[in-house]
């Protein structure tokens, strides 16, 4: 499963442009499909410290902060 930059921004409390900037700088891996950027769930969990289950991104109950780990690459400041 993968999410659009807007969805990821909502998950972590960032702006969409901030997420897109991370993609451009190579700090957040994403793939472009039919002109749309998609960020794989595994990347969101590993890089942004958000744990996702199989429910849609619009379901706030499916988003849980991961415990015990700050996000790698401390310059992301997404906490």
N, C-alpha and C. Protein backbone atom coordinates (compact mmCIF):
# COMPACT_ATOMS: atom_id res chain seq x y z
N UNK A 1 0.84 -1.17 0.00
CA UNK A 1 0.00 0.00 0.00
C UNK A 1 0.89 1.24 0.00
N UNK A 2 0.40 2.32 -0.58
CA UNK A 2 1.15 3.56 -0.64
C UNK A 2 0.19 4.73 -0.47
N UNK A 3 0.75 5.87 -0.11
CA UNK A 3 -0.04 7.07 0.17
C UNK A 3 0.48 8.25 -0.62
N UNK A 4 -0.40 9.18 -0.92
CA UNK A 4 -0.02 10.42 -1.61
C UNK A 4 0.62 11.38 -0.60
N UNK A 5 1.42 12.33 -1.09
CA UNK A 5 2.06 13.29 -0.19
C UNK A 5 1.07 14.03 0.71
N UNK A 6 -0.10 14.37 0.20
CA UNK A 6 -1.11 15.06 1.02
C UNK A 6 -1.53 14.19 2.20
N UNK A 7 -1.73 12.91 1.95
CA UNK A 7 -2.14 11.99 3.02
C UNK A 7 -1.04 11.84 4.07
N UNK A 8 0.20 11.72 3.60
CA UNK A 8 1.32 11.60 4.53
C UNK A 8 1.46 12.87 5.36
N UNK A 9 1.29 14.01 4.73
CA UNK A 9 1.38 15.28 5.46
C UNK A 9 0.35 15.32 6.59
N UNK A 10 -0.86 14.89 6.31
CA UNK A 10 -1.90 14.86 7.34
C UNK A 10 -1.55 13.89 8.47
N UNK A 11 -0.95 12.76 8.12
CA UNK A 11 -0.58 11.75 9.12
C UNK A 11 0.43 12.27 10.13
N UNK A 12 1.39 13.03 9.63
CA UNK A 12 2.51 13.44 10.49
C UNK A 12 2.47 14.91 10.89
N UNK A 13 1.45 15.64 10.47
CA UNK A 13 1.33 17.04 10.87
C UNK A 13 2.27 17.98 10.15
N UNK A 14 2.56 17.67 8.90
CA UNK A 14 3.41 18.54 8.07
C UNK A 14 2.56 19.13 6.95
N UNK A 15 3.16 20.06 6.23
CA UNK A 15 2.49 20.57 5.04
C UNK A 15 2.78 19.62 3.88
N UNK A 16 1.91 19.63 2.89
CA UNK A 16 2.14 18.80 1.71
C UNK A 16 3.43 19.21 1.01
N UNK A 17 3.69 20.52 0.96
CA UNK A 17 4.92 20.99 0.31
C UNK A 17 6.16 20.51 1.07
N UNK A 18 6.04 20.38 2.39
CA UNK A 18 7.16 19.86 3.19
C UNK A 18 7.45 18.41 2.85
N UNK A 19 6.40 17.62 2.68
CA UNK A 19 6.59 16.21 2.30
C UNK A 19 7.19 16.13 0.90
N UNK A 20 6.69 16.94 -0.01
CA UNK A 20 7.23 16.94 -1.37
C UNK A 20 8.70 17.38 -1.39
N UNK A 21 9.05 18.31 -0.51
CA UNK A 21 10.43 18.75 -0.40
C UNK A 21 11.33 17.61 0.07
N UNK A 22 10.86 16.82 1.04
CA UNK A 22 11.62 15.65 1.51
C UNK A 22 11.84 14.66 0.37
N UNK A 23 10.84 14.49 -0.48
CA UNK A 23 10.98 13.60 -1.63
C UNK A 23 12.03 14.14 -2.59
N UNK A 24 11.96 15.44 -2.90
CA UNK A 24 12.91 16.06 -3.83
C UNK A 24 14.34 15.98 -3.31
N UNK A 25 14.52 16.14 -1.99
CA UNK A 25 15.86 16.09 -1.38
C UNK A 25 16.38 14.68 -1.19
N UNK A 26 15.54 13.68 -1.49
CA UNK A 26 15.96 12.30 -1.35
C UNK A 26 15.89 11.78 0.08
N UNK A 27 15.22 12.50 0.96
CA UNK A 27 15.08 12.09 2.36
C UNK A 27 13.90 11.15 2.56
N UNK A 28 12.98 11.13 1.60
CA UNK A 28 11.79 10.29 1.70
C UNK A 28 11.60 9.63 0.33
N UNK A 29 11.72 8.31 0.30
CA UNK A 29 11.62 7.57 -0.97
C UNK A 29 10.16 7.53 -1.42
N UNK A 30 9.97 7.81 -2.69
CA UNK A 30 8.63 7.77 -3.29
C UNK A 30 8.76 7.33 -4.74
N UNK A 31 7.67 6.86 -5.29
CA UNK A 31 7.65 6.47 -6.69
C UNK A 31 6.59 7.31 -7.40
N UNK A 32 6.84 7.56 -8.67
CA UNK A 32 5.88 8.33 -9.45
C UNK A 32 5.14 7.36 -10.37
N UNK A 33 3.82 7.37 -10.27
CA UNK A 33 2.98 6.49 -11.07
C UNK A 33 1.87 7.33 -11.70
N UNK A 34 1.81 7.31 -13.00
CA UNK A 34 0.82 8.12 -13.73
C UNK A 34 0.85 9.58 -13.29
N UNK A 35 2.04 10.12 -13.08
CA UNK A 35 2.20 11.52 -12.73
C UNK A 35 1.94 11.85 -11.26
N UNK A 36 1.65 10.84 -10.44
CA UNK A 36 1.39 11.07 -9.02
C UNK A 36 2.46 10.42 -8.17
N UNK A 37 2.91 11.15 -7.16
CA UNK A 37 3.88 10.60 -6.22
C UNK A 37 3.17 9.72 -5.21
N UNK A 38 3.74 8.55 -4.95
CA UNK A 38 3.22 7.63 -3.95
C UNK A 38 4.35 7.23 -3.01
N UNK A 39 4.06 7.24 -1.73
CA UNK A 39 5.05 6.90 -0.71
C UNK A 39 4.62 5.58 -0.08
N UNK A 40 5.45 4.54 -0.21
CA UNK A 40 5.09 3.23 0.33
C UNK A 40 4.93 3.26 1.85
N UNK A 41 4.01 2.44 2.35
CA UNK A 41 3.75 2.35 3.79
C UNK A 41 5.03 2.07 4.57
N UNK A 42 5.86 1.16 4.07
CA UNK A 42 7.10 0.80 4.78
C UNK A 42 8.02 2.01 4.95
N UNK A 43 8.04 2.89 3.96
CA UNK A 43 8.88 4.09 4.04
C UNK A 43 8.32 5.05 5.09
N UNK A 44 7.01 5.20 5.11
CA UNK A 44 6.38 6.08 6.11
C UNK A 44 6.70 5.59 7.51
N UNK A 45 6.57 4.29 7.72
CA UNK A 45 6.83 3.72 9.04
C UNK A 45 8.29 3.86 9.43
N UNK A 46 9.20 3.57 8.49
CA UNK A 46 10.63 3.60 8.80
C UNK A 46 11.19 5.02 8.95
N UNK A 47 10.81 5.92 8.07
CA UNK A 47 11.40 7.26 8.05
C UNK A 47 10.68 8.28 8.91
N UNK A 48 9.37 8.14 9.06
CA UNK A 48 8.60 9.16 9.76
C UNK A 48 8.10 8.71 11.12
N UNK A 49 8.37 7.47 11.49
CA UNK A 49 8.00 6.99 12.82
C UNK A 49 6.51 6.86 13.04
N UNK A 50 5.75 6.55 11.98
CA UNK A 50 4.31 6.37 12.10
C UNK A 50 4.01 4.91 11.79
N UNK A 51 3.24 4.26 12.65
CA UNK A 51 2.85 2.87 12.43
C UNK A 51 1.46 2.84 11.81
N UNK A 52 1.34 2.16 10.68
CA UNK A 52 0.07 2.09 9.96
C UNK A 52 -0.40 0.64 9.92
N UNK A 53 -1.72 0.46 10.00
CA UNK A 53 -2.24 -0.88 9.75
C UNK A 53 -2.96 -0.87 8.42
N UNK A 54 -3.77 -1.86 8.12
CA UNK A 54 -4.35 -2.01 6.79
C UNK A 54 -5.53 -1.09 6.49
N UNK A 55 -5.97 -0.28 7.44
CA UNK A 55 -7.11 0.60 7.18
C UNK A 55 -6.71 1.81 6.33
N UNK A 56 -7.66 2.45 5.69
CA UNK A 56 -7.37 3.62 4.85
C UNK A 56 -6.78 4.78 5.67
N UNK A 57 -6.01 5.63 5.01
CA UNK A 57 -5.37 6.76 5.68
C UNK A 57 -6.37 7.71 6.30
N UNK A 58 -7.58 7.77 5.78
CA UNK A 58 -8.57 8.69 6.31
C UNK A 58 -9.11 8.23 7.66
N UNK A 59 -8.82 6.99 8.05
CA UNK A 59 -9.26 6.46 9.34
C UNK A 59 -8.20 6.78 10.38
N UNK A 60 -8.42 7.81 11.18
CA UNK A 60 -7.42 8.27 12.14
C UNK A 60 -7.03 7.19 13.13
N UNK A 61 -7.90 6.24 13.39
CA UNK A 61 -7.58 5.17 14.33
C UNK A 61 -6.48 4.25 13.78
N UNK A 62 -6.22 4.30 12.48
CA UNK A 62 -5.21 3.43 11.90
C UNK A 62 -3.80 4.02 12.01
N UNK A 63 -3.68 5.22 12.54
CA UNK A 63 -2.39 5.90 12.62
C UNK A 63 -1.96 5.94 14.08
N UNK A 64 -0.80 5.34 14.35
CA UNK A 64 -0.28 5.32 15.71
C UNK A 64 1.20 5.70 15.68
N UNK A 65 1.65 6.59 16.58
CA UNK A 65 3.07 6.87 16.65
C UNK A 65 3.82 5.62 17.09
N UNK A 66 4.98 5.40 16.51
CA UNK A 66 5.81 4.28 16.95
C UNK A 66 6.52 4.71 18.22
N UNK A 67 6.67 3.83 19.15
CA UNK A 67 7.27 4.19 20.43
C UNK A 67 8.74 3.80 20.47
N UNK A 68 9.47 4.55 21.26
CA UNK A 68 10.87 4.24 21.52
C UNK A 68 11.86 4.61 20.45
N UNK A 69 11.42 5.22 19.36
CA UNK A 69 12.34 5.55 18.28
C UNK A 69 12.06 6.94 17.75
N UNK A 70 13.05 7.84 17.77
CA UNK A 70 12.86 9.10 17.04
C UNK A 70 13.00 8.82 15.55
N UNK A 71 12.43 9.62 14.70
CA UNK A 71 12.59 9.39 13.26
C UNK A 71 14.05 9.50 12.85
N UNK A 72 14.55 8.60 12.01
CA UNK A 72 15.92 8.71 11.53
C UNK A 72 16.10 10.00 10.74
N UNK A 73 17.33 10.50 10.68
CA UNK A 73 17.60 11.74 9.95
C UNK A 73 16.99 12.92 10.66
N UNK A 74 17.45 13.20 11.86
CA UNK A 74 16.85 14.16 12.77
C UNK A 74 16.40 15.46 12.17
N UNK A 75 16.82 15.81 10.95
CA UNK A 75 16.43 17.09 10.37
C UNK A 75 14.98 17.09 9.88
N UNK A 76 14.29 15.95 9.96
CA UNK A 76 12.91 15.89 9.48
C UNK A 76 11.95 16.61 10.42
N UNK A 77 12.20 16.57 11.71
CA UNK A 77 11.40 17.27 12.71
C UNK A 77 9.90 17.12 12.47
N UNK A 78 9.43 15.89 12.48
CA UNK A 78 8.01 15.62 12.22
C UNK A 78 7.24 15.27 13.47
N UNK A 79 7.88 15.34 14.62
CA UNK A 79 7.21 14.93 15.87
C UNK A 79 6.15 15.91 16.30
